[in-house]
């Protein structure tokens, strides 16, 4: 009976992590479309793909793991996942991974 309970917890953890990763990808999609398929004078910003997609996907997974650990009462695991999430957010801000191409300037600039 205990093995079955652990298996169910493991599957639930995998489902939550996959949902977090999918949420991160869906959150990234508008930035990816803007950065890769258009922009000022047709320039593409590939950093949005090479840096933004992994950061957003891993961030979604880390957020899901943090939430799952908090729900289960595993405070140390939640703190560790929150530290990873904070590091990913810091990396994203430092390298401006969702910046995209420069926007077209209006008249008078």
C-alpha atoms as a PDB file:
ATOM      1  CA  UNK A   1       0.000   0.000   0.000  1.00  0.00           C
ATOM      2  CA  UNK A   2       2.859   2.396   0.790  1.00  0.00           C
ATOM      3  CA  UNK A   3       4.496   1.797  -2.600  1.00  0.00           C
ATOM      4  CA  UNK A   4       1.280   2.722  -4.351  1.00  0.00           C
ATOM      5  CA  UNK A   5       0.978   5.940  -2.355  1.00  0.00           C
ATOM      6  CA  UNK A   6       4.558   6.905  -3.231  1.00  0.00           C
ATOM      7  CA  UNK A   7       3.912   6.112  -6.892  1.00  0.00           C
ATOM      8  CA  UNK A   8       0.845   8.355  -6.886  1.00  0.00           C
ATOM      9  CA  UNK A   9       2.833  11.169  -5.261  1.00  0.00           C
ATOM     10  CA  UNK A  10       5.578  10.751  -7.851  1.00  0.00           C
ATOM     11  CA  UNK A  11       3.146  10.869 -10.744  1.00  0.00           C
ATOM     12  CA  UNK A  12       1.424  13.906  -9.240  1.00  0.00           C
ATOM     13  CA  UNK A  13       4.787  15.646  -8.900  1.00  0.00           C
ATOM     14  CA  UNK A  14       5.650  14.916 -12.529  1.00  0.00           C
ATOM     15  CA  UNK A  15       2.258  16.188 -13.689  1.00  0.00           C
ATOM     16  CA  UNK A  16       2.643  19.386 -11.662  1.00  0.00           C
ATOM     17  CA  UNK A  17       6.173  19.954 -13.020  1.00  0.00           C
ATOM     18  CA  UNK A  18       4.986  19.331 -16.600  1.00  0.00           C
ATOM     19  CA  UNK A  19       2.095  21.748 -16.100  1.00  0.00           C
ATOM     20  CA  UNK A  20       4.526  24.354 -14.757  1.00  0.00           C
ATOM     21  CA  UNK A  21       6.818  23.897 -17.748  1.00  0.00           C
ATOM     22  CA  UNK A  22       3.881  24.192 -20.158  1.00  0.00           C
ATOM     23  CA  UNK A  23       2.705  27.329 -18.372  1.00  0.00           C
ATOM     24  CA  UNK A  24       6.191  28.818 -18.684  1.00  0.00           C
ATOM     25  CA  UNK A  25       6.232  28.076 -22.414  1.00  0.00           C
ATOM     26  CA  UNK A  26       2.777  29.568 -22.918  1.00  0.00           C
ATOM     27  CA  UNK A  27       3.838  32.661 -21.001  1.00  0.00           C
ATOM     28  CA  UNK A  28       6.918  32.949 -23.220  1.00  0.00           C
ATOM     29  CA  UNK A  29       4.987  32.530 -26.518  1.00  0.00           C
ATOM     30  CA  UNK A  30       3.958  36.204 -27.063  1.00  0.00           C
ATOM     31  CA  UNK A  31       7.542  37.351 -26.444  1.00  0.00           C
ATOM     32  CA  UNK A  32       8.898  34.644 -28.717  1.00  0.00           C
ATOM     33  CA  UNK A  33       6.581  35.546 -31.560  1.00  0.00           C
ATOM     34  CA  UNK A  34       7.465  39.225 -31.284  1.00  0.00           C
ATOM     35  CA  UNK A  35      11.191  38.568 -30.934  1.00  0.00           C
ATOM     36  CA  UNK A  36      11.644  35.969 -33.661  1.00  0.00           C
ATOM     37  CA  UNK A  37       9.070  36.838 -36.319  1.00  0.00           C
ATOM     38  CA  UNK A  38       9.324  40.539 -36.600  1.00  0.00           C
ATOM     39  CA  UNK A  39      10.510  43.733 -35.201  1.00  0.00           C
ATOM     40  CA  UNK A  40      12.189  46.849 -36.355  1.00  0.00           C
ATOM     41  CA  UNK A  41      13.244  46.497 -40.010  1.00  0.00           C
ATOM     42  CA  UNK A  42      12.562  42.752 -39.915  1.00  0.00           C
ATOM     43  CA  UNK A  43      15.365  42.021 -37.460  1.00  0.00           C
ATOM     44  CA  UNK A  44      15.006  38.976 -35.248  1.00  0.00           C
ATOM     45  CA  UNK A  45      16.256  38.782 -31.699  1.00  0.00           C
ATOM     46  CA  UNK A  46      17.361  35.179 -31.200  1.00  0.00           C
ATOM     47  CA  UNK A  47      18.195  35.691 -27.512  1.00  0.00           C
ATOM     48  CA  UNK A  48      14.468  35.543 -26.917  1.00  0.00           C
ATOM     49  CA  UNK A  49      14.574  31.927 -28.131  1.00  0.00           C
ATOM     50  CA  UNK A  50      17.974  30.810 -26.833  1.00  0.00           C
ATOM     51  CA  UNK A  51      17.698  32.427 -23.408  1.00  0.00           C
ATOM     52  CA  UNK A  52      14.045  33.339 -22.888  1.00  0.00           C
ATOM     53  CA  UNK A  53      12.449  29.974 -23.599  1.00  0.00           C
ATOM     54  CA  UNK A  54      14.667  27.942 -21.230  1.00  0.00           C
ATOM     55  CA  UNK A  55      14.404  30.563 -18.467  1.00  0.00           C
ATOM     56  CA  UNK A  56      10.614  30.726 -18.703  1.00  0.00           C
ATOM     57  CA  UNK A  57      10.235  26.940 -18.925  1.00  0.00           C
ATOM     58  CA  UNK A  58      12.567  26.258 -16.000  1.00  0.00           C
ATOM     59  CA  UNK A  59      10.926  29.084 -14.078  1.00  0.00           C
ATOM     60  CA  UNK A  60       7.517  27.498 -14.565  1.00  0.00           C
ATOM     61  CA  UNK A  61       8.842  24.145 -13.379  1.00  0.00           C
ATOM     62  CA  UNK A  62      10.536  25.731 -10.342  1.00  0.00           C
ATOM     63  CA  UNK A  63       7.352  27.628  -9.470  1.00  0.00           C
ATOM     64  CA  UNK A  64       5.298  24.432  -9.712  1.00  0.00           C
ATOM     65  CA  UNK A  65       7.754  22.497  -7.550  1.00  0.00           C
ATOM     66  CA  UNK A  66       7.755  25.324  -4.992  1.00  0.00           C
ATOM     67  CA  UNK A  67       3.967  25.295  -4.867  1.00  0.00           C
ATOM     68  CA  UNK A  68       3.816  21.509  -4.578  1.00  0.00           C
ATOM     69  CA  UNK A  69       6.387  21.504  -1.765  1.00  0.00           C
ATOM     70  CA  UNK A  70       4.466  24.203   0.092  1.00  0.00           C
ATOM     71  CA  UNK A  71       1.195  22.290  -0.237  1.00  0.00           C
ATOM     72  CA  UNK A  72       2.858  19.123   1.069  1.00  0.00           C
ATOM     73  CA  UNK A  73       4.475  21.010   3.970  1.00  0.00           C
ATOM     74  CA  UNK A  74       8.070  20.383   2.835  1.00  0.00           C
ATOM     75  CA  UNK A  75       9.475  23.773   3.818  1.00  0.00           C
ATOM     76  CA  UNK A  76      13.136  23.084   3.049  1.00  0.00           C
ATOM     77  CA  UNK A  77      12.359  21.797  -0.441  1.00  0.00           C
ATOM     78  CA  UNK A  78      10.084  24.779  -1.020  1.00  0.00           C
ATOM     79  CA  UNK A  79      12.841  27.131   0.080  1.00  0.00           C
ATOM     80  CA  UNK A  80      15.358  25.439  -2.219  1.00  0.00           C
ATOM     81  CA  UNK A  81      12.991  25.640  -5.182  1.00  0.00           C
ATOM     82  CA  UNK A  82      12.231  29.279  -4.348  1.00  0.00           C
ATOM     83  CA  UNK A  83      15.974  30.030  -4.389  1.00  0.00           C
ATOM     84  CA  UNK A  84      16.240  28.424  -7.846  1.00  0.00           C
ATOM     85  CA  UNK A  85      13.226  30.438  -8.998  1.00  0.00           C
ATOM     86  CA  UNK A  86      14.801  33.649  -7.689  1.00  0.00           C
ATOM     87  CA  UNK A  87      18.097  32.848  -9.431  1.00  0.00           C
ATOM     88  CA  UNK A  88      16.259  32.258 -12.727  1.00  0.00           C
ATOM     89  CA  UNK A  89      14.384  35.532 -12.343  1.00  0.00           C
ATOM     90  CA  UNK A  90      17.654  37.337 -11.617  1.00  0.00           C
ATOM     91  CA  UNK A  91      19.267  35.764 -14.688  1.00  0.00           C
ATOM     92  CA  UNK A  92      16.296  36.786 -16.812  1.00  0.00           C
ATOM     93  CA  UNK A  93      16.438  40.373 -15.606  1.00  0.00           C
ATOM     94  CA  UNK A  94      20.227  40.621 -15.869  1.00  0.00           C
ATOM     95  CA  UNK A  95      20.341  39.369 -19.450  1.00  0.00           C
ATOM     96  CA  UNK A  96      16.962  40.857 -20.438  1.00  0.00           C
ATOM     97  CA  UNK A  97      15.928  37.562 -21.987  1.00  0.00           C
ATOM     98  CA  UNK A  98      12.453  38.755 -23.011  1.00  0.00           C
ATOM     99  CA  UNK A  99      13.504  42.048 -24.519  1.00  0.00           C
ATOM    100  CA  UNK A 100      12.843  41.308 -28.185  1.00  0.00           C
ATOM    101  CA  UNK A 101      13.835  43.530 -31.082  1.00  0.00           C
ATOM    102  CA  UNK A 102      13.747  47.298 -30.738  1.00  0.00           C
ATOM    103  CA  UNK A 103      10.351  48.801 -31.418  1.00  0.00           C
ATOM    104  CA  UNK A 104       9.765  51.081 -34.392  1.00  0.00           C
ATOM    105  CA  UNK A 105      10.184  54.687 -33.470  1.00  0.00           C
ATOM    106  CA  UNK A 106       7.403  57.130 -34.197  1.00  0.00           C
ATOM    107  CA  UNK A 107       7.701  60.504 -35.880  1.00  0.00           C
ATOM    108  CA  UNK A 108      10.185  62.924 -34.426  1.00  0.00           C
ATOM    109  CA  UNK A 109      12.676  60.504 -32.926  1.00  0.00           C
END
